[in-house]
Amino acid sequence: MDNGPARKSNYSAQLQKSSELIGDPFEVSTVRQEDFEAYKGMMEGDDVTQSGPKPSSQSPRGHQGPAAFLILASGLDEHGSGSRSPLKYSHLDIASSAGSLPLPATGSPVLALAEQYLLKHL
């Protein structure tokens, strides 16, 4: 999931192409305004809400919520496309723990990152 500046450079699309080349494809998600709204502080003095009442896998927008939380909590929301100092940020869900025990975890998109940043340059 890219923020605005990363989306303008097509970062997720490029990484997704690498995932297809290496044979471990993944889908690109989008963080939307409602994801940010769900994590804004609710009480006086709160900047952000750390979590909702359910795990992200059981929330309406799923894994986009934690991405929005990290953007808000880190201050990256102040460095979007319309800011004076835009910073590219992409949130990757690394599925190192995905799977049903005792089956092995997937590790997606680790292979795509290797293709994008290591294997191309060998």
PDB file of N, CA and C in Angstrom:
ATOM      1  N   MET A   1       0.844  -1.163   0.000  1.00  0.00           N
ATOM      2  CA  MET A   1       0.000   0.000   0.000  1.00  0.00           C
ATOM      3  C   MET A   1       0.896   1.234   0.000  1.00  0.00           C
ATOM      4  N   ASP A   2       0.750   2.053  -1.010  1.00  0.00           N
ATOM      5  CA  ASP A   2       1.570   3.256  -1.152  1.00  0.00           C
ATOM      6  C   ASP A   2       0.847   4.467  -0.591  1.00  0.00           C
ATOM      7  N   ASN A   3       1.623   5.396  -0.044  1.00  0.00           N
ATOM      8  CA  ASN A   3       1.054   6.710   0.211  1.00  0.00           C
ATOM      9  C   ASN A   3       1.074   7.461  -1.128  1.00  0.00           C
ATOM     10  N   GLY A   4       0.604   8.699  -1.138  1.00  0.00           N
ATOM     11  CA  GLY A   4       0.515   9.462  -2.389  1.00  0.00           C
ATOM     12  C   GLY A   4       1.826   9.592  -3.143  1.00  0.00           C
ATOM     13  N   PRO A   5       2.905  10.034  -2.481  1.00  0.00           N
ATOM     14  CA  PRO A   5       4.172  10.179  -3.202  1.00  0.00           C
ATOM     15  C   PRO A   5       4.697   8.858  -3.778  1.00  0.00           C
ATOM     16  N   ALA A   6       4.551   7.767  -3.050  1.00  0.00           N
ATOM     17  CA  ALA A   6       5.001   6.461  -3.571  1.00  0.00           C
ATOM     18  C   ALA A   6       4.104   6.010  -4.726  1.00  0.00           C
ATOM     19  N   ARG A   7       2.811   6.302  -4.629  1.00  0.00           N
ATOM     20  CA  ARG A   7       1.883   5.932  -5.700  1.00  0.00           C
ATOM     21  C   ARG A   7       2.232   6.667  -6.996  1.00  0.00           C
ATOM     22  N   LYS A   8       2.635   7.939  -6.865  1.00  0.00           N
ATOM     23  CA  LYS A   8       3.013   8.716  -8.054  1.00  0.00           C
ATOM     24  C   LYS A   8       4.209   8.110  -8.777  1.00  0.00           C
ATOM     25  N   SER A   9       5.077   7.424  -8.044  1.00  0.00           N
ATOM     26  CA  SER A   9       6.246   6.800  -8.675  1.00  0.00           C
ATOM     27  C   SER A   9       5.976   5.343  -9.085  1.00  0.00           C
ATOM     28  N   ASN A  10       4.730   4.897  -8.912  1.00  0.00           N
ATOM     29  CA  ASN A  10       4.327   3.530  -9.280  1.00  0.00           C
ATOM     30  C   ASN A  10       5.124   2.453  -8.554  1.00  0.00           C
ATOM     31  N   TYR A  11       5.494   2.721  -7.306  1.00  0.00           N
ATOM     32  CA  TYR A  11       6.324   1.770  -6.573  1.00  0.00           C
ATOM     33  C   TYR A  11       5.650   0.406  -6.421  1.00  0.00           C
ATOM     34  N   SER A  12       4.423   0.373  -5.946  1.00  0.00           N
ATOM     35  CA  SER A  12       3.739  -0.915  -5.735  1.00  0.00           C
ATOM     36  C   SER A  12       3.590  -1.694  -7.033  1.00  0.00           C
ATOM     37  N   ALA A  13       3.296  -0.993  -8.112  1.00  0.00           N
ATOM     38  CA  ALA A  13       3.147  -1.669  -9.408  1.00  0.00           C
ATOM     39  C   ALA A  13       4.473  -2.297  -9.841  1.00  0.00           C
ATOM     40  N   GLN A  14       5.571  -1.598  -9.614  1.00  0.00           N
ATOM     41  CA  GLN A  14       6.887  -2.142  -9.968  1.00  0.00           C
ATOM     42  C   GLN A  14       7.215  -3.367  -9.115  1.00  0.00           C
ATOM     43  N   LEU A  15       6.934  -3.293  -7.826  1.00  0.00           N
ATOM     44  CA  LEU A  15       7.188  -4.421  -6.939  1.00  0.00           C
ATOM     45  C   LEU A  15       6.275  -5.599  -7.290  1.00  0.00           C
ATOM     46  N   GLN A  16       5.046  -5.294  -7.682  1.00  0.00           N
ATOM     47  CA  GLN A  16       4.122  -6.353  -8.081  1.00  0.00           C
ATOM     48  C   GLN A  16       4.633  -7.076  -9.334  1.00  0.00           C
ATOM     49  N   LYS A  17       5.212  -6.341 -10.277  1.00  0.00           N
ATOM     50  CA  LYS A  17       5.802  -6.977 -11.462  1.00  0.00           C
ATOM     51  C   LYS A  17       6.937  -7.911 -11.060  1.00  0.00           C
ATOM     52  N   SER A  18       7.752  -7.485 -10.102  1.00  0.00           N
ATOM     53  CA  SER A  18       8.827  -8.348  -9.610  1.00  0.00           C
ATOM     54  C   SER A  18       8.267  -9.607  -8.965  1.00  0.00           C
ATOM     55  N   SER A  19       7.156  -9.473  -8.267  1.00  0.00           N
ATOM     56  CA  SER A  19       6.553 -10.640  -7.621  1.00  0.00           C
ATOM     57  C   SER A  19       6.071 -11.651  -8.660  1.00  0.00           C
ATOM     58  N   GLU A  20       5.586 -11.156  -9.780  1.00  0.00           N
ATOM     59  CA  GLU A  20       5.131 -12.052 -10.850  1.00  0.00           C
ATOM     60  C   GLU A  20       6.312 -12.723 -11.543  1.00  0.00           C
ATOM     61  N   LEU A  21       7.407 -11.981 -11.726  1.00  0.00           N
ATOM     62  CA  LEU A  21       8.599 -12.552 -12.348  1.00  0.00           C
ATOM     63  C   LEU A  21       9.196 -13.690 -11.519  1.00  0.00           C
ATOM     64  N   ILE A  22       9.161 -13.536 -10.204  1.00  0.00           N
ATOM     65  CA  ILE A  22       9.769 -14.521  -9.314  1.00  0.00           C
ATOM     66  C   ILE A  22       8.806 -15.669  -9.001  1.00  0.00           C
ATOM     67  N   GLY A  23       7.552 -15.537  -9.413  1.00  0.00           N
ATOM     68  CA  GLY A  23       6.579 -16.609  -9.209  1.00  0.00           C
ATOM     69  C   GLY A  23       5.906 -16.606  -7.852  1.00  0.00           C
ATOM     70  N   ASP A  24       5.882 -15.457  -7.184  1.00  0.00           N
ATOM     71  CA  ASP A  24       5.227 -15.326  -5.886  1.00  0.00           C
ATOM     72  C   ASP A  24       4.366 -14.060  -5.907  1.00  0.00           C
ATOM     73  N   PRO A  25       3.332 -14.036  -6.779  1.00  0.00           N
ATOM     74  CA  PRO A  25       2.559 -12.805  -6.971  1.00  0.00           C
ATOM     75  C   PRO A  25       1.756 -12.410  -5.733  1.00  0.00           C
ATOM     76  N   PHE A  26       1.538 -11.114  -5.603  1.00  0.00           N
ATOM     77  CA  PHE A  26       0.691 -10.583  -4.535  1.00  0.00           C
ATOM     78  C   PHE A  26      -0.160  -9.469  -5.104  1.00  0.00           C
ATOM     79  N   GLU A  27      -1.182  -9.078  -4.360  1.00  0.00           N
ATOM     80  CA  GLU A  27      -2.067  -8.013  -4.793  1.00  0.00           C
ATOM     81  C   GLU A  27      -1.701  -6.710  -4.096  1.00  0.00           C
ATOM     82  N   VAL A  28      -1.992  -5.617  -4.768  1.00  0.00           N
ATOM     83  CA  VAL A  28      -1.744  -4.295  -4.212  1.00  0.00           C
ATOM     84  C   VAL A  28      -3.055  -3.755  -3.656  1.00  0.00           C
ATOM     85  N   SER A  29      -3.005  -3.275  -2.437  1.00  0.00           N
ATOM     86  CA  SER A  29      -4.175  -2.682  -1.788  1.00  0.00           C
ATOM     87  C   SER A  29      -4.016  -1.172  -1.735  1.00  0.00           C
ATOM     88  N   THR A  30      -5.079  -0.491  -1.407  1.00  0.00           N
ATOM     89  CA  THR A  30      -5.071   0.960  -1.318  1.00  0.00           C
ATOM     90  C   THR A  30      -5.553   1.403   0.059  1.00  0.00           C
ATOM     91  N   VAL A  31      -4.846   2.326   0.664  1.00  0.00           N
ATOM     92  CA  VAL A  31      -5.290   2.924   1.916  1.00  0.00           C
ATOM     93  C   VAL A  31      -6.231   4.063   1.558  1.00  0.00           C
ATOM     94  N   ARG A  32      -7.415   4.065   2.164  1.00  0.00           N
ATOM     95  CA  ARG A  32      -8.418   5.089   1.853  1.00  0.00           C
ATOM     96  C   ARG A  32      -8.645   5.984   3.068  1.00  0.00           C
ATOM     97  N   GLN A  33      -9.339   7.067   2.844  1.00  0.00           N
ATOM     98  CA  GLN A  33      -9.573   8.052   3.901  1.00  0.00           C
ATOM     99  C   GLN A  33     -10.248   7.428   5.117  1.00  0.00           C
ATOM    100  N   GLU A  34     -11.193   6.510   4.914  1.00  0.00           N
ATOM    101  CA  GLU A  34     -11.876   5.906   6.066  1.00  0.00           C
ATOM    102  C   GLU A  34     -10.939   5.068   6.936  1.00  0.00           C
ATOM    103  N   ASP A  35      -9.851   4.577   6.348  1.00  0.00           N
ATOM    104  CA  ASP A  35      -8.868   3.840   7.138  1.00  0.00           C
ATOM    105  C   ASP A  35      -8.188   4.776   8.136  1.00  0.00           C
ATOM    106  N   PHE A  36      -7.898   5.992   7.697  1.00  0.00           N
ATOM    107  CA  PHE A  36      -7.288   6.984   8.582  1.00  0.00           C
ATOM    108  C   PHE A  36      -8.284   7.445   9.642  1.00  0.00           C
ATOM    109  N   GLU A  37      -9.519   7.643   9.241  1.00  0.00           N
ATOM    110  CA  GLU A  37     -10.549   8.101  10.186  1.00  0.00           C
ATOM    111  C   GLU A  37     -10.720   7.108  11.329  1.00  0.00           C
ATOM    112  N   ALA A  38     -10.611   5.831  11.053  1.00  0.00           N
ATOM    113  CA  ALA A  38     -10.798   4.795  12.070  1.00  0.00           C
ATOM    114  C   ALA A  38      -9.713   4.826  13.141  1.00  0.00           C
ATOM    115  N   TYR A  39      -8.565   5.446  12.856  1.00  0.00           N
ATOM    116  CA  TYR A  39      -7.450   5.456  13.806  1.00  0.00           C
ATOM    117  C   TYR A  39      -7.148   6.832  14.382  1.00  0.00           C
ATOM    118  N   LYS A  40      -7.963   7.823  14.057  1.00  0.00           N
ATOM    119  CA  LYS A  40      -7.755   9.144  14.655  1.00  0.00           C
ATOM    120  C   LYS A  40      -8.158   9.096  16.121  1.00  0.00           C
ATOM    121  N   GLY A  41      -7.497   9.906  16.946  1.00  0.00           N
ATOM    122  CA  GLY A  41      -7.782   9.929  18.375  1.00  0.00           C
ATOM    123  C   GLY A  41      -9.242  10.239  18.663  1.00  0.00           C
ATOM    124  N   MET A  42      -9.771   9.597  19.702  1.00  0.00           N
ATOM    125  CA  MET A  42     -11.185   9.774  20.044  1.00  0.00           C
ATOM    126  C   MET A  42     -11.391  10.663  21.268  1.00  0.00           C
ATOM    127  N   MET A  43     -10.359  10.809  22.079  1.00  0.00           N
ATOM    128  CA  MET A  43     -10.473  11.564  23.315  1.00  0.00           C
ATOM    129  C   MET A  43      -9.585  12.804  23.223  1.00  0.00           C
ATOM    130  N   GLU A  44      -9.860  13.768  24.051  1.00  0.00           N
ATOM    131  CA  GLU A  44      -9.032  14.967  24.091  1.00  0.00           C
ATOM    132  C   GLU A  44      -7.594  14.574  24.432  1.00  0.00           C
ATOM    133  N   GLY A  45      -6.662  15.042  23.629  1.00  0.00           N
ATOM    134  CA  GLY A  45      -5.252  14.730  23.837  1.00  0.00           C
ATOM    135  C   GLY A  45      -4.768  13.511  23.074  1.00  0.00           C
ATOM    136  N   ASP A  46      -5.674  12.732  22.518  1.00  0.00           N
ATOM    137  CA  ASP A  46      -5.268  11.560  21.729  1.00  0.00           C
ATOM    138  C   ASP A  46      -4.951  11.971  20.302  1.00  0.00           C
ATOM    139  N   ASP A  47      -3.797  11.576  19.809  1.00  0.00           N
ATOM    140  CA  ASP A  47      -3.466  11.796  18.405  1.00  0.00           C
ATOM    141  C   ASP A  47      -4.000  10.650  17.557  1.00  0.00           C
ATOM    142  N   VAL A  48      -3.796   9.432  18.046  1.00  0.00           N
ATOM    143  CA  VAL A  48      -4.232   8.244  17.317  1.00  0.00           C
ATOM    144  C   VAL A  48      -4.829   7.238  18.297  1.00  0.00           C
ATOM    145  N   THR A  49      -5.624   6.330  17.756  1.00  0.00           N
ATOM    146  CA  THR A  49      -6.125   5.187  18.501  1.00  0.00           C
ATOM    147  C   THR A  49      -5.295   4.000  18.062  1.00  0.00           C
ATOM    148  N   GLN A  50      -4.742   3.272  19.005  1.00  0.00           N
ATOM    149  CA  GLN A  50      -3.816   2.204  18.652  1.00  0.00           C
ATOM    150  C   GLN A  50      -4.489   1.043  17.940  1.00  0.00           C
ATOM    151  N   SER A  51      -5.696   0.690  18.350  1.00  0.00           N
ATOM    152  CA  SER A  51      -6.336  -0.448  17.690  1.00  0.00           C
ATOM    153  C   SER A  51      -7.838  -0.379  17.871  1.00  0.00           C
ATOM    154  N   GLY A  52      -8.527  -1.126  17.035  1.00  0.00           N
ATOM    155  CA  GLY A  52      -9.966  -1.246  17.144  1.00  0.00           C
ATOM    156  C   GLY A  52     -10.327  -2.414  18.052  1.00  0.00           C
ATOM    157  N   PRO A  53     -11.616  -2.684  18.184  1.00  0.00           N
ATOM    158  CA  PRO A  53     -12.046  -3.753  19.082  1.00  0.00           C
ATOM    159  C   PRO A  53     -11.785  -5.161  18.544  1.00  0.00           C
ATOM    160  N   LYS A  54     -11.507  -5.288  17.261  1.00  0.00           N
ATOM    161  CA  LYS A  54     -11.279  -6.598  16.651  1.00  0.00           C
ATOM    162  C   LYS A  54      -9.929  -6.613  15.937  1.00  0.00           C
ATOM    163  N   PRO A  55      -9.365  -7.807  15.699  1.00  0.00           N
ATOM    164  CA  PRO A  55      -8.136  -7.869  14.898  1.00  0.00           C
ATOM    165  C   PRO A  55      -8.398  -7.383  13.474  1.00  0.00           C
ATOM    166  N   SER A  56      -7.342  -6.944  12.794  1.00  0.00           N
ATOM    167  CA  SER A  56      -7.515  -6.402  11.433  1.00  0.00           C
ATOM    168  C   SER A  56      -8.149  -7.424  10.501  1.00  0.00           C
ATOM    169  N   SER A  57      -7.912  -8.705  10.737  1.00  0.00           N
ATOM    170  CA  SER A  57      -8.501  -9.737   9.872  1.00  0.00           C
ATOM    171  C   SER A  57     -10.012  -9.817  10.019  1.00  0.00           C
ATOM    172  N   GLN A  58     -10.568  -9.210  11.072  1.00  0.00           N
ATOM    173  CA  GLN A  58     -12.012  -9.234  11.291  1.00  0.00           C
ATOM    174  C   GLN A  58     -12.642  -7.848  11.172  1.00  0.00           C
ATOM    175  N   SER A  59     -11.882  -6.860  10.724  1.00  0.00           N
ATOM    176  CA  SER A  59     -12.428  -5.521  10.576  1.00  0.00           C
ATOM    177  C   SER A  59     -12.855  -5.297   9.128  1.00  0.00           C
ATOM    178  N   PRO A  60     -13.761  -4.354   8.907  1.00  0.00           N
ATOM    179  CA  PRO A  60     -14.303  -4.156   7.550  1.00  0.00           C
ATOM    180  C   PRO A  60     -13.248  -3.893   6.474  1.00  0.00           C
ATOM    181  N   ARG A  61     -12.180  -3.182   6.805  1.00  0.00           N
ATOM    182  CA  ARG A  61     -11.176  -2.851   5.805  1.00  0.00           C
ATOM    183  C   ARG A  61      -9.905  -3.680   5.949  1.00  0.00           C
ATOM    184  N   GLY A  62      -9.867  -4.583   6.911  1.00  0.00           N
ATOM    185  CA  GLY A  62      -8.750  -5.516   7.031  1.00  0.00           C
ATOM    186  C   GLY A  62      -7.406  -4.865   7.270  1.00  0.00           C
ATOM    187  N   HIS A  63      -6.421  -5.294   6.495  1.00  0.00           N
ATOM    188  CA  HIS A  63      -5.035  -4.891   6.715  1.00  0.00           C
ATOM    189  C   HIS A  63      -4.738  -3.429   6.367  1.00  0.00           C
ATOM    190  N   GLN A  64      -5.668  -2.735   5.734  1.00  0.00           N
ATOM    191  CA  GLN A  64      -5.434  -1.323   5.431  1.00  0.00           C
ATOM    192  C   GLN A  64      -5.401  -0.477   6.700  1.00  0.00           C
ATOM    193  N   GLY A  65      -6.134  -0.895   7.726  1.00  0.00           N
ATOM    194  CA  GLY A  65      -6.160  -0.155   8.987  1.00  0.00           C
ATOM    195  C   GLY A  65      -4.796  -0.035   9.636  1.00  0.00           C
ATOM    196  N   PRO A  66      -4.065  -1.151   9.820  1.00  0.00           N
ATOM    197  CA  PRO A  66      -2.733  -1.023  10.400  1.00  0.00           C
ATOM    198  C   PRO A  66      -1.790  -0.140   9.576  1.00  0.00           C
ATOM    199  N   ALA A  67      -1.934  -0.154   8.265  1.00  0.00           N
ATOM    200  CA  ALA A  67      -1.111   0.734   7.429  1.00  0.00           C
ATOM    201  C   ALA A  67      -1.442   2.190   7.736  1.00  0.00           C
ATOM    202  N   ALA A  68      -2.729   2.507   7.828  1.00  0.00           N
ATOM    203  CA  ALA A  68      -3.140   3.876   8.151  1.00  0.00           C
ATOM    204  C   ALA A  68      -2.643   4.265   9.540  1.00  0.00           C
ATOM    205  N   PHE A  69      -2.730   3.335  10.502  1.00  0.00           N
ATOM    206  CA  PHE A  69      -2.233   3.618  11.853  1.00  0.00           C
ATOM    207  C   PHE A  69      -0.757   3.990  11.828  1.00  0.00           C
ATOM    208  N   LEU A  70       0.055   3.211  11.123  1.00  0.00           N
ATOM    209  CA  LEU A  70       1.495   3.488  11.078  1.00  0.00           C
ATOM    210  C   LEU A  70       1.798   4.828  10.422  1.00  0.00           C
ATOM    211  N   ILE A  71       1.046   5.171   9.393  1.00  0.00           N
ATOM    212  CA  ILE A  71       1.242   6.468   8.733  1.00  0.00           C
ATOM    213  C   ILE A  71       0.903   7.600   9.698  1.00  0.00           C
ATOM    214  N   LEU A  72      -0.214   7.464  10.424  1.00  0.00           N
ATOM    215  CA  LEU A  72      -0.607   8.496  11.387  1.00  0.00           C
ATOM    216  C   LEU A  72       0.361   8.571  12.562  1.00  0.00           C
ATOM    217  N   ALA A  73       0.691   7.431  13.149  1.00  0.00           N
ATOM    218  CA  ALA A  73       1.531   7.411  14.348  1.00  0.00           C
ATOM    219  C   ALA A  73       2.953   7.894  14.070  1.00  0.00           C
ATOM    220  N   SER A  74       3.437   7.676  12.856  1.00  0.00           N
ATOM    221  CA  SER A  74       4.805   8.077  12.512  1.00  0.00           C
ATOM    222  C   SER A  74       4.906   9.531  12.065  1.00  0.00           C
ATOM    223  N   GLY A  75       3.780  10.156  11.762  1.00  0.00           N
ATOM    224  CA  GLY A  75       3.796  11.522  11.255  1.00  0.00           C
ATOM    225  C   GLY A  75       3.922  11.597   9.747  1.00  0.00           C
ATOM    226  N   LEU A  76       3.930  10.443   9.068  1.00  0.00           N
ATOM    227  CA  LEU A  76       4.039  10.457   7.609  1.00  0.00           C
ATOM    228  C   LEU A  76       2.828  11.099   6.931  1.00  0.00           C
ATOM    229  N   ASP A  77       1.712  11.198   7.645  1.00  0.00           N
ATOM    230  CA  ASP A  77       0.543  11.866   7.073  1.00  0.00           C
ATOM    231  C   ASP A  77       0.818  13.343   6.807  1.00  0.00           C
ATOM    232  N   GLU A  78       1.856  13.880   7.446  1.00  0.00           N
ATOM    233  CA  GLU A  78       2.249  15.273   7.215  1.00  0.00           C
ATOM    234  C   GLU A  78       3.170  15.416   6.005  1.00  0.00           C
ATOM    235  N   HIS A  79       3.486  14.308   5.353  1.00  0.00           N
ATOM    236  CA  HIS A  79       4.428  14.321   4.220  1.00  0.00           C
ATOM    237  C   HIS A  79       3.827  13.675   2.982  1.00  0.00           C
ATOM    238  N   GLY A  80       2.550  13.938   2.745  1.00  0.00           N
ATOM    239  CA  GLY A  80       1.865  13.399   1.576  1.00  0.00           C
ATOM    240  C   GLY A  80       2.165  14.197   0.320  1.00  0.00           C
ATOM    241  N   SER A  81       1.447  13.903  -0.734  1.00  0.00           N
ATOM    242  CA  SER A  81       1.691  14.532  -2.036  1.00  0.00           C
ATOM    243  C   SER A  81       1.562  16.047  -2.011  1.00  0.00           C
ATOM    244  N   GLY A  82       0.682  16.579  -1.191  1.00  0.00           N
ATOM    245  CA  GLY A  82       0.460  18.018  -1.167  1.00  0.00           C
ATOM    246  C   GLY A  82       1.337  18.773  -0.192  1.00  0.00           C
ATOM    247  N   SER A  83       2.249  18.106   0.479  1.00  0.00           N
ATOM    248  CA  SER A  83       3.077  18.778   1.475  1.00  0.00           C
ATOM    249  C   SER A  83       4.320  19.401   0.838  1.00  0.00           C
ATOM    250  N   ARG A  84       5.015  20.222   1.613  1.00  0.00           N
ATOM    251  CA  ARG A  84       6.261  20.829   1.137  1.00  0.00           C
ATOM    252  C   ARG A  84       7.394  19.813   1.069  1.00  0.00           C
ATOM    253  N   SER A  85       7.290  18.772   1.884  1.00  0.00           N
ATOM    254  CA  SER A  85       8.342  17.751   1.901  1.00  0.00           C
ATOM    255  C   SER A  85       7.728  16.352   1.810  1.00  0.00           C
ATOM    256  N   PRO A  86       7.268  15.968   0.614  1.00  0.00           N
ATOM    257  CA  PRO A  86       6.659  14.644   0.455  1.00  0.00           C
ATOM    258  C   PRO A  86       7.692  13.531   0.641  1.00  0.00           C
ATOM    259  N   LEU A  87       7.272  12.474   1.317  1.00  0.00           N
ATOM    260  CA  LEU A  87       8.115  11.299   1.518  1.00  0.00           C
ATOM    261  C   LEU A  87       7.392  10.069   0.987  1.00  0.00           C
ATOM    262  N   LYS A  88       8.089   9.282   0.204  1.00  0.00           N
ATOM    263  CA  LYS A  88       7.501   8.047  -0.298  1.00  0.00           C
ATOM    264  C   LYS A  88       7.463   7.017   0.826  1.00  0.00           C
ATOM    265  N   TYR A  89       6.318   6.352   0.955  1.00  0.00           N
ATOM    266  CA  TYR A  89       6.160   5.299   1.954  1.00  0.00           C
ATOM    267  C   TYR A  89       5.281   4.204   1.379  1.00  0.00           C
ATOM    268  N   SER A  90       5.730   2.990   1.525  1.00  0.00           N
ATOM    269  CA  SER A  90       4.932   1.832   1.119  1.00  0.00           C
ATOM    270  C   SER A  90       4.862   0.867   2.289  1.00  0.00           C
ATOM    271  N   HIS A  91       3.669   0.408   2.568  1.00  0.00           N
ATOM    272  CA  HIS A  91       3.434  -0.546   3.650  1.00  0.00           C
ATOM    273  C   HIS A  91       3.278  -1.928   3.038  1.00  0.00           C
ATOM    274  N   LEU A  92       4.142  -2.839   3.452  1.00  0.00           N
ATOM    275  CA  LEU A  92       4.075  -4.222   2.958  1.00  0.00           C
ATOM    276  C   LEU A  92       3.678  -5.130   4.103  1.00  0.00           C
ATOM    277  N   ASP A  93       2.693  -5.953   3.882  1.00  0.00           N
ATOM    278  CA  ASP A  93       2.359  -6.984   4.857  1.00  0.00           C
ATOM    279  C   ASP A  93       3.210  -8.192   4.529  1.00  0.00           C
ATOM    280  N   ILE A  94       4.190  -8.439   5.353  1.00  0.00           N
ATOM    281  CA  ILE A  94       5.071  -9.592   5.160  1.00  0.00           C
ATOM    282  C   ILE A  94       4.418 -10.776   5.855  1.00  0.00           C
ATOM    283  N   ALA A  95       4.034 -11.762   5.094  1.00  0.00           N
ATOM    284  CA  ALA A  95       3.274 -12.893   5.621  1.00  0.00           C
ATOM    285  C   ALA A  95       4.169 -13.980   6.189  1.00  0.00           C
ATOM    286  N   SER A  96       5.122 -13.583   7.025  1.00  0.00           N
ATOM    287  CA  SER A  96       6.016 -14.590   7.597  1.00  0.00           C
ATOM    288  C   SER A  96       5.277 -15.515   8.540  1.00  0.00           C
ATOM    289  N   SER A  97       4.190 -15.048   9.091  1.00  0.00           N
ATOM    290  CA  SER A  97       3.446 -15.881  10.023  1.00  0.00           C
ATOM    291  C   SER A  97       2.164 -16.433   9.417  1.00  0.00           C
ATOM    292  N   ALA A  98       1.911 -16.158   8.148  1.00  0.00           N
ATOM    293  CA  ALA A  98       0.672 -16.632   7.526  1.00  0.00           C
ATOM    294  C   ALA A  98       0.743 -18.130   7.270  1.00  0.00           C
ATOM    295  N   GLY A  99      -0.329 -18.774   7.496  1.00  0.00           N
ATOM    296  CA  GLY A  99      -0.410 -20.204   7.291  1.00  0.00           C
ATOM    297  C   GLY A  99      -1.013 -20.871   8.514  1.00  0.00           C
ATOM    298  N   SER A 100      -1.335 -22.109   8.375  1.00  0.00           N
ATOM    299  CA  SER A 100      -1.913 -22.858   9.480  1.00  0.00           C
ATOM    300  C   SER A 100      -0.860 -23.815  10.015  1.00  0.00           C
ATOM    301  N   LEU A 101      -0.538 -23.653  11.278  1.00  0.00           N
ATOM    302  CA  LEU A 101       0.443 -24.547  11.886  1.00  0.00           C
ATOM    303  C   LEU A 101      -0.076 -25.975  11.825  1.00  0.00           C
ATOM    304  N   PRO A 102       0.748 -26.919  11.559  1.00  0.00           N
ATOM    305  CA  PRO A 102       2.200 -26.911  11.477  1.00  0.00           C
ATOM    306  C   PRO A 102       2.733 -26.684  10.066  1.00  0.00           C
ATOM    307  N   LEU A 103       1.900 -26.241   9.115  1.00  0.00           N
ATOM    308  CA  LEU A 103       2.375 -25.973   7.761  1.00  0.00           C
ATOM    309  C   LEU A 103       3.317 -24.780   7.765  1.00  0.00           C
ATOM    310  N   PRO A 104       4.275 -24.727   6.832  1.00  0.00           N
ATOM    311  CA  PRO A 104       5.220 -23.603   6.824  1.00  0.00           C
ATOM    312  C   PRO A 104       4.548 -22.287   6.430  1.00  0.00           C
ATOM    313  N   ALA A 105       5.111 -21.191   6.905  1.00  0.00           N
ATOM    314  CA  ALA A 105       4.610 -19.856   6.567  1.00  0.00           C
ATOM    315  C   ALA A 105       5.000 -19.505   5.138  1.00  0.00           C
ATOM    316  N   THR A 106       4.325 -18.524   4.561  1.00  0.00           N
ATOM    317  CA  THR A 106       4.553 -18.185   3.157  1.00  0.00           C
ATOM    318  C   THR A 106       5.732 -17.242   2.939  1.00  0.00           C
ATOM    319  N   GLY A 107       5.887 -16.232   3.782  1.00  0.00           N
ATOM    320  CA  GLY A 107       6.956 -15.259   3.599  1.00  0.00           C
ATOM    321  C   GLY A 107       6.708 -14.269   2.487  1.00  0.00           C
ATOM    322  N   SER A 108       5.538 -14.252   1.876  1.00  0.00           N
ATOM    323  CA  SER A 108       5.230 -13.329   0.799  1.00  0.00           C
ATOM    324  C   SER A 108       5.216 -11.906   1.370  1.00  0.00           C
ATOM    325  N   PRO A 109       5.778 -10.917   0.766  1.00  0.00           N
ATOM    326  CA  PRO A 109       6.435 -10.735  -0.515  1.00  0.00           C
ATOM    327  C   PRO A 109       7.960 -10.682  -0.427  1.00  0.00           C
ATOM    328  N   VAL A 110       8.565 -11.481   0.417  1.00  0.00           N
ATOM    329  CA  VAL A 110      10.018 -11.464   0.571  1.00  0.00           C
ATOM    330  C   VAL A 110      10.717 -11.785  -0.751  1.00  0.00           C
ATOM    331  N   LEU A 111      10.199 -12.746  -1.503  1.00  0.00           N
ATOM    332  CA  LEU A 111      10.818 -13.089  -2.786  1.00  0.00           C
ATOM    333  C   LEU A 111      10.725 -11.930  -3.787  1.00  0.00           C
ATOM    334  N   ALA A 112       9.623 -11.202  -3.767  1.00  0.00           N
ATOM    335  CA  ALA A 112       9.489 -10.041  -4.659  1.00  0.00           C
ATOM    336  C   ALA A 112      10.517  -8.970  -4.318  1.00  0.00           C
ATOM    337  N   LEU A 113      10.759  -8.755  -3.027  1.00  0.00           N
ATOM    338  CA  LEU A 113      11.772  -7.787  -2.613  1.00  0.00           C
ATOM    339  C   LEU A 113      13.159  -8.241  -3.059  1.00  0.00           C
ATOM    340  N   ALA A 114      13.426  -9.536  -2.954  1.00  0.00           N
ATOM    341  CA  ALA A 114      14.716 -10.063  -3.416  1.00  0.00           C
ATOM    342  C   ALA A 114      14.868  -9.857  -4.915  1.00  0.00           C
ATOM    343  N   GLU A 115      13.814 -10.118  -5.676  1.00  0.00           N
ATOM    344  CA  GLU A 115      13.859  -9.920  -7.133  1.00  0.00           C
ATOM    345  C   GLU A 115      14.095  -8.453  -7.466  1.00  0.00           C
ATOM    346  N   GLN A 116      13.369  -7.569  -6.799  1.00  0.00           N
ATOM    347  CA  GLN A 116      13.444  -6.139  -7.083  1.00  0.00           C
ATOM    348  C   GLN A 116      14.797  -5.539  -6.733  1.00  0.00           C
ATOM    349  N   TYR A 117      15.369  -5.948  -5.607  1.00  0.00           N
ATOM    350  CA  TYR A 117      16.557  -5.265  -5.113  1.00  0.00           C
ATOM    351  C   TYR A 117      17.856  -6.077  -5.173  1.00  0.00           C
ATOM    352  N   LEU A 118      17.765  -7.387  -5.333  1.00  0.00           N
ATOM    353  CA  LEU A 118      18.986  -8.207  -5.347  1.00  0.00           C
ATOM    354  C   LEU A 118      19.207  -8.925  -6.658  1.00  0.00           C
ATOM    355  N   LEU A 119      18.268  -9.759  -7.046  1.00  0.00           N
ATOM    356  CA  LEU A 119      18.483 -10.655  -8.191  1.00  0.00           C
ATOM    357  C   LEU A 119      18.655  -9.900  -9.495  1.00  0.00           C
ATOM    358  N   LYS A 120      17.953  -8.779  -9.677  1.00  0.00           N
ATOM    359  CA  LYS A 120      18.085  -7.979 -10.903  1.00  0.00           C
ATOM    360  C   LYS A 120      19.505  -7.488 -11.118  1.00  0.00           C
ATOM    361  N   HIS A 121      20.224  -7.343 -10.032  1.00  0.00           N
ATOM    362  CA  HIS A 121      21.539  -6.705 -10.091  1.00  0.00           C
ATOM    363  C   HIS A 121      22.695  -7.689 -10.066  1.00  0.00           C
ATOM    364  N   LEU A 122      22.391  -8.957 -10.162  1.00  0.00           N
ATOM    365  CA  LEU A 122      23.454  -9.975 -10.172  1.00  0.00           C
ATOM    366  C   LEU A 122      23.991 -10.181 -11.570  1.00  0.00           C
TER     367      LEU A 122
END
